[in-house]
Structures are given as C-alpha cells and as structure tokens.
C-alpha cells in the first residue's frame, strides 16, 4: 500500500515540476530584466537636470529648461517650451557638462 502512495506522490511531483520550471524561466527571462530596465529608467529620470538634451517618448528632441517633481519644461524649438511628464522622457542624450572655458 505504501508503494502505491509513493508512486502517487512521485507522479504528482513529475506533473508539477514543469509548471514550476516555467515560472522560474519566466522570472529570469522576462520579469527580472524588465525590473532592471525600469530601475535604470527611474534613475535616468531622477537625474534629469536643467540643460540636458532629452528625447521624449514621441520622438521629439529638446533641451530641459526647468525641472519639477513630476514634470519638466522642455524647449523643443527656440522660444517654444512644452511641459512634459518626466516619465515620458525616453533618453538623455547630452548631460550638462562643465563648459570648455570653465575648466581649470
């Protein structure tokens, strides 16, 4: 009788093991990389400052003129400023650096 119960337990483990393996595979191939990208994007957004050249998620390129908590003012053309949500900043191209004539 115990041999039948052991076989039943082993059959249950064999049936559940592939499902557990699929969840582990999903975690390492999909969930974990997405979390890394999200953390990197949040760090990028937190580091945006005045003078940075940014690319917005819709493809527009502009220069940051003012930064607030959740929004930034971006100059997309001379004299044309738009207020954007910081989460919509896709990329920071040129970070503000020390001007060439200010280097010591």
N, C-alpha and C. Protein backbone atom coordinates (compact mmCIF):
# COMPACT_ATOMS: atom_id res chain seq x y z
N UNK A 1 0.82 -1.19 0.00
CA UNK A 1 0.00 0.00 0.00
C UNK A 1 0.86 1.26 0.00
N UNK A 2 1.95 1.26 0.73
CA UNK A 2 2.81 2.44 0.75
C UNK A 2 3.51 2.64 -0.59
N UNK A 3 3.77 1.57 -1.31
CA UNK A 3 4.41 1.70 -2.62
C UNK A 3 3.49 2.44 -3.58
N UNK A 4 2.19 2.20 -3.49
CA UNK A 4 1.23 2.91 -4.35
C UNK A 4 1.17 4.39 -3.98
N UNK A 5 1.26 4.68 -2.69
CA UNK A 5 1.23 6.08 -2.26
C UNK A 5 2.50 6.81 -2.69
N UNK A 6 3.63 6.12 -2.61
CA UNK A 6 4.88 6.74 -3.05
C UNK A 6 4.85 7.00 -4.55
N UNK A 7 4.29 6.08 -5.31
CA UNK A 7 4.16 6.28 -6.75
C UNK A 7 3.23 7.45 -7.06
N UNK A 8 2.17 7.61 -6.27
CA UNK A 8 1.25 8.73 -6.46
C UNK A 8 1.91 10.06 -6.16
N UNK A 9 2.73 10.09 -5.12
CA UNK A 9 3.45 11.31 -4.76
C UNK A 9 4.47 11.65 -5.84
N UNK A 10 5.16 10.62 -6.33
CA UNK A 10 6.16 10.85 -7.37
C UNK A 10 5.49 11.34 -8.66
N UNK A 11 4.33 10.79 -8.97
CA UNK A 11 3.61 11.23 -10.17
C UNK A 11 3.17 12.68 -10.02
N UNK A 12 2.77 13.07 -8.82
CA UNK A 12 2.36 14.46 -8.57
C UNK A 12 3.55 15.40 -8.74
N UNK A 13 4.71 15.01 -8.24
CA UNK A 13 5.91 15.83 -8.38
C UNK A 13 6.29 15.96 -9.85
N UNK A 14 6.19 14.88 -10.60
CA UNK A 14 6.54 14.90 -12.02
C UNK A 14 5.57 15.81 -12.78
N UNK A 15 4.31 15.88 -12.37
CA UNK A 15 3.35 16.73 -13.05
C UNK A 15 3.55 18.21 -12.70
N UNK A 16 3.92 18.52 -11.49
CA UNK A 16 4.05 19.91 -11.04
C UNK A 16 5.41 20.51 -11.41
N UNK A 17 6.45 19.69 -11.53
CA UNK A 17 7.80 20.18 -11.81
C UNK A 17 7.88 21.03 -13.08
N UNK A 18 7.27 20.66 -14.21
CA UNK A 18 7.36 21.51 -15.40
C UNK A 18 6.71 22.89 -15.21
N UNK A 19 5.62 22.94 -14.46
CA UNK A 19 4.95 24.22 -14.21
C UNK A 19 5.86 25.13 -13.39
N UNK A 20 6.48 24.58 -12.37
CA UNK A 20 7.41 25.35 -11.54
C UNK A 20 8.60 25.82 -12.39
N UNK A 21 9.11 24.94 -13.25
CA UNK A 21 10.23 25.30 -14.11
C UNK A 21 9.85 26.44 -15.06
N UNK A 22 8.63 26.43 -15.58
CA UNK A 22 8.18 27.50 -16.47
C UNK A 22 8.13 28.84 -15.74
N UNK A 23 7.62 28.85 -14.50
CA UNK A 23 7.59 30.08 -13.73
C UNK A 23 8.99 30.61 -13.44
N UNK A 24 9.92 29.72 -13.13
CA UNK A 24 11.30 30.14 -12.89
C UNK A 24 11.91 30.70 -14.17
N UNK A 25 11.65 30.06 -15.29
CA UNK A 25 12.15 30.54 -16.57
C UNK A 25 11.58 31.91 -16.93
N UNK A 26 10.27 32.10 -16.73
CA UNK A 26 9.65 33.40 -16.96
C UNK A 26 10.28 34.48 -16.09
N UNK A 27 10.57 34.14 -14.84
CA UNK A 27 11.15 35.13 -13.94
C UNK A 27 12.50 35.60 -14.47
N UNK A 28 13.37 34.66 -14.84
CA UNK A 28 14.71 35.05 -15.26
C UNK A 28 14.78 35.61 -16.68
N UNK A 29 13.84 35.26 -17.54
CA UNK A 29 13.89 35.75 -18.92
C UNK A 29 13.03 36.98 -19.17
N UNK A 30 11.99 37.20 -18.36
CA UNK A 30 11.09 38.31 -18.63
C UNK A 30 10.96 39.29 -17.47
N UNK A 31 10.66 38.82 -16.31
CA UNK A 31 10.35 39.71 -15.19
C UNK A 31 11.59 40.42 -14.68
N UNK A 32 12.66 39.70 -14.44
CA UNK A 32 13.87 40.31 -13.88
C UNK A 32 14.50 41.35 -14.81
N UNK A 33 14.67 41.09 -16.11
CA UNK A 33 15.21 42.12 -17.00
C UNK A 33 14.32 43.36 -17.08
N UNK A 34 13.01 43.17 -17.05
CA UNK A 34 12.09 44.31 -17.10
C UNK A 34 12.25 45.16 -15.85
N UNK A 35 12.42 44.54 -14.70
CA UNK A 35 12.62 45.29 -13.46
C UNK A 35 13.93 46.06 -13.51
N UNK A 36 14.98 45.48 -14.10
CA UNK A 36 16.26 46.19 -14.23
C UNK A 36 16.11 47.42 -15.13
N UNK A 37 15.40 47.25 -16.27
CA UNK A 37 15.18 48.39 -17.16
C UNK A 37 14.37 49.48 -16.48
N UNK A 38 13.37 49.08 -15.70
CA UNK A 38 12.53 50.06 -15.00
C UNK A 38 13.35 50.84 -13.98
N UNK A 39 14.22 50.17 -13.24
CA UNK A 39 15.07 50.86 -12.26
C UNK A 39 16.04 51.81 -12.96
N UNK A 40 16.60 51.38 -14.09
CA UNK A 40 17.52 52.24 -14.83
C UNK A 40 16.80 53.47 -15.36
N UNK A 41 15.57 53.30 -15.85
CA UNK A 41 14.79 54.44 -16.37
C UNK A 41 14.44 55.39 -15.24
N UNK A 42 14.08 54.87 -14.08
CA UNK A 42 13.76 55.73 -12.94
C UNK A 42 14.99 56.52 -12.50
N UNK A 43 16.15 55.89 -12.52
CA UNK A 43 17.39 56.60 -12.17
C UNK A 43 17.70 57.68 -13.20
N UNK A 44 17.44 57.38 -14.48
CA UNK A 44 17.65 58.35 -15.55
C UNK A 44 16.75 59.56 -15.35
N UNK A 45 15.49 59.32 -15.04
CA UNK A 45 14.54 60.41 -14.84
C UNK A 45 14.90 61.22 -13.60
N UNK A 46 15.32 60.55 -12.55
CA UNK A 46 15.68 61.26 -11.32
C UNK A 46 16.90 62.15 -11.53
N UNK A 47 17.76 61.79 -12.49
CA UNK A 47 18.98 62.55 -12.72
C UNK A 47 18.85 63.66 -13.74
N UNK A 48 17.68 63.86 -14.31
CA UNK A 48 17.49 64.91 -15.31
C UNK A 48 17.62 66.27 -14.65
N UNK A 49 18.38 67.14 -15.29
CA UNK A 49 18.55 68.49 -14.74
C UNK A 49 18.53 69.50 -15.88
N UNK A 50 18.50 70.75 -15.50
CA UNK A 50 18.43 71.85 -16.47
C UNK A 50 19.63 71.80 -17.40
N UNK A 51 19.36 71.93 -18.69
CA UNK A 51 20.43 71.94 -19.68
C UNK A 51 20.62 70.60 -20.39
N UNK A 52 20.04 69.54 -19.88
CA UNK A 52 20.17 68.23 -20.53
C UNK A 52 19.37 68.20 -21.82
N UNK A 53 19.91 67.53 -22.82
CA UNK A 53 19.17 67.31 -24.06
C UNK A 53 18.48 65.96 -23.94
N UNK A 54 17.16 65.95 -24.13
CA UNK A 54 16.38 64.74 -23.92
C UNK A 54 15.60 64.38 -25.17
N UNK A 55 15.27 63.08 -25.27
CA UNK A 55 14.38 62.59 -26.31
C UNK A 55 13.11 62.12 -25.60
N UNK A 56 11.98 62.64 -26.04
CA UNK A 56 10.71 62.25 -25.44
C UNK A 56 10.21 60.97 -26.09
N UNK A 57 9.24 60.33 -25.46
CA UNK A 57 8.74 59.05 -25.97
C UNK A 57 8.06 59.18 -27.33
N UNK A 58 7.64 60.39 -27.70
CA UNK A 58 7.02 60.57 -29.01
C UNK A 58 8.05 60.92 -30.09
N UNK A 59 9.33 60.99 -29.71
CA UNK A 59 10.39 61.23 -30.69
C UNK A 59 10.90 62.65 -30.73
N UNK A 60 10.26 63.57 -30.03
CA UNK A 60 10.73 64.96 -30.04
C UNK A 60 12.02 65.08 -29.22
N UNK A 61 12.90 65.94 -29.70
CA UNK A 61 14.16 66.20 -29.02
C UNK A 61 14.13 67.63 -28.53
N UNK A 62 14.55 67.83 -27.29
CA UNK A 62 14.56 69.18 -26.74
C UNK A 62 15.54 69.32 -25.61
N UNK A 63 15.60 70.53 -25.09
CA UNK A 63 16.53 70.86 -24.02
C UNK A 63 15.72 71.19 -22.77
N UNK A 64 16.09 70.62 -21.65
CA UNK A 64 15.37 70.84 -20.40
C UNK A 64 15.68 72.25 -19.90
N UNK A 65 14.62 73.02 -19.63
CA UNK A 65 14.82 74.38 -19.12
C UNK A 65 14.42 74.50 -17.66
N UNK A 66 13.54 73.61 -17.18
CA UNK A 66 13.13 73.64 -15.78
C UNK A 66 12.71 72.23 -15.37
N UNK A 67 13.03 71.85 -14.14
CA UNK A 67 12.67 70.53 -13.64
C UNK A 67 11.87 70.69 -12.36
N UNK A 68 10.75 69.99 -12.29
CA UNK A 68 9.93 69.96 -11.08
C UNK A 68 9.87 68.51 -10.60
N UNK A 69 9.01 68.22 -9.64
CA UNK A 69 8.93 66.87 -9.09
C UNK A 69 8.53 65.84 -10.15
N UNK A 70 7.39 66.03 -10.78
CA UNK A 70 6.88 65.04 -11.72
C UNK A 70 6.89 65.54 -13.16
N UNK A 71 7.22 66.80 -13.37
CA UNK A 71 7.17 67.38 -14.71
C UNK A 71 8.47 68.13 -15.00
N UNK A 72 8.70 68.36 -16.29
CA UNK A 72 9.85 69.14 -16.72
C UNK A 72 9.40 70.05 -17.86
N UNK A 73 10.03 71.20 -17.96
CA UNK A 73 9.78 72.11 -19.07
C UNK A 73 10.88 71.86 -20.10
N UNK A 74 10.48 71.54 -21.32
CA UNK A 74 11.44 71.21 -22.37
C UNK A 74 11.27 72.19 -23.52
N UNK A 75 12.38 72.79 -23.95
CA UNK A 75 12.36 73.71 -25.09
C UNK A 75 12.59 72.87 -26.35
N UNK A 76 11.55 72.76 -27.19
CA UNK A 76 11.67 71.94 -28.40
C UNK A 76 12.06 72.76 -29.62
N UNK A 77 11.94 74.07 -29.52
CA UNK A 77 12.36 74.98 -30.56
C UNK A 77 12.64 76.31 -29.87
N UNK A 78 13.34 77.20 -30.52
CA UNK A 78 13.68 78.46 -29.87
C UNK A 78 12.40 79.20 -29.49
N UNK A 79 12.22 79.40 -28.19
CA UNK A 79 11.06 80.11 -27.68
C UNK A 79 9.82 79.26 -27.50
N UNK A 80 9.89 77.96 -27.84
CA UNK A 80 8.74 77.07 -27.70
C UNK A 80 9.02 76.08 -26.57
N UNK A 81 8.37 76.28 -25.44
CA UNK A 81 8.55 75.41 -24.29
C UNK A 81 7.30 74.57 -24.09
N UNK A 82 7.48 73.29 -23.81
CA UNK A 82 6.36 72.41 -23.51
C UNK A 82 6.60 71.77 -22.14
N UNK A 83 5.51 71.57 -21.44
CA UNK A 83 5.58 70.92 -20.14
C UNK A 83 5.31 69.44 -20.35
N UNK A 84 6.22 68.58 -19.93
CA UNK A 84 6.07 67.15 -20.13
C UNK A 84 6.18 66.42 -18.80
N UNK A 85 5.53 65.28 -18.73
CA UNK A 85 5.66 64.42 -17.57
C UNK A 85 7.03 63.74 -17.67
N UNK A 86 7.77 63.74 -16.58
CA UNK A 86 9.13 63.21 -16.62
C UNK A 86 9.19 61.74 -17.01
N UNK A 87 8.14 60.99 -16.75
CA UNK A 87 8.13 59.57 -17.11
C UNK A 87 8.15 59.37 -18.62
N UNK A 88 7.78 60.40 -19.39
CA UNK A 88 7.76 60.30 -20.84
C UNK A 88 9.10 60.62 -21.47
N UNK A 89 10.11 60.88 -20.67
CA UNK A 89 11.46 61.08 -21.19
C UNK A 89 12.05 59.71 -21.47
N UNK A 90 12.39 59.45 -22.71
CA UNK A 90 12.88 58.13 -23.11
C UNK A 90 14.40 58.02 -22.99
N UNK A 91 15.09 59.14 -23.22
CA UNK A 91 16.55 59.08 -23.29
C UNK A 91 17.12 60.45 -22.97
N UNK A 92 18.26 60.47 -22.32
CA UNK A 92 19.00 61.71 -22.10
C UNK A 92 20.23 61.62 -22.98
N UNK A 93 20.31 62.50 -23.98
CA UNK A 93 21.43 62.42 -24.94
C UNK A 93 22.69 63.07 -24.42
N UNK A 94 22.63 64.34 -24.13
CA UNK A 94 23.82 65.07 -23.68
C UNK A 94 23.57 65.60 -22.28
N UNK A 95 24.30 65.06 -21.35
CA UNK A 95 24.19 65.57 -19.99
C UNK A 95 24.92 66.90 -19.92
N UNK A 96 24.46 67.75 -19.03
CA UNK A 96 25.11 69.04 -18.84
C UNK A 96 26.52 68.80 -18.31
N UNK A 97 27.48 69.40 -18.97
CA UNK A 97 28.87 69.25 -18.56
C UNK A 97 29.46 70.62 -18.30
N UNK A 98 30.63 70.64 -17.72
CA UNK A 98 31.32 71.91 -17.49
C UNK A 98 31.71 72.49 -18.83
N UNK A 99 31.47 73.77 -19.01
CA UNK A 99 31.80 74.42 -20.27
C UNK A 99 33.31 74.38 -20.48
N UNK A 100 33.73 74.36 -21.76
CA UNK A 100 35.13 74.22 -22.10
C UNK A 100 35.97 75.36 -21.51
N UNK A 101 35.42 76.58 -21.48
CA UNK A 101 36.18 77.71 -20.96
C UNK A 101 36.15 77.76 -19.44
N UNK A 102 35.34 76.94 -18.77
CA UNK A 102 35.28 76.92 -17.31
C UNK A 102 36.20 75.87 -16.71
N UNK A 103 36.81 75.05 -17.52
CA UNK A 103 37.71 74.03 -16.98
C UNK A 103 38.98 74.65 -16.47
N UNK A 104 39.44 74.12 -15.35
CA UNK A 104 40.60 74.73 -14.72
C UNK A 104 41.86 74.13 -15.03
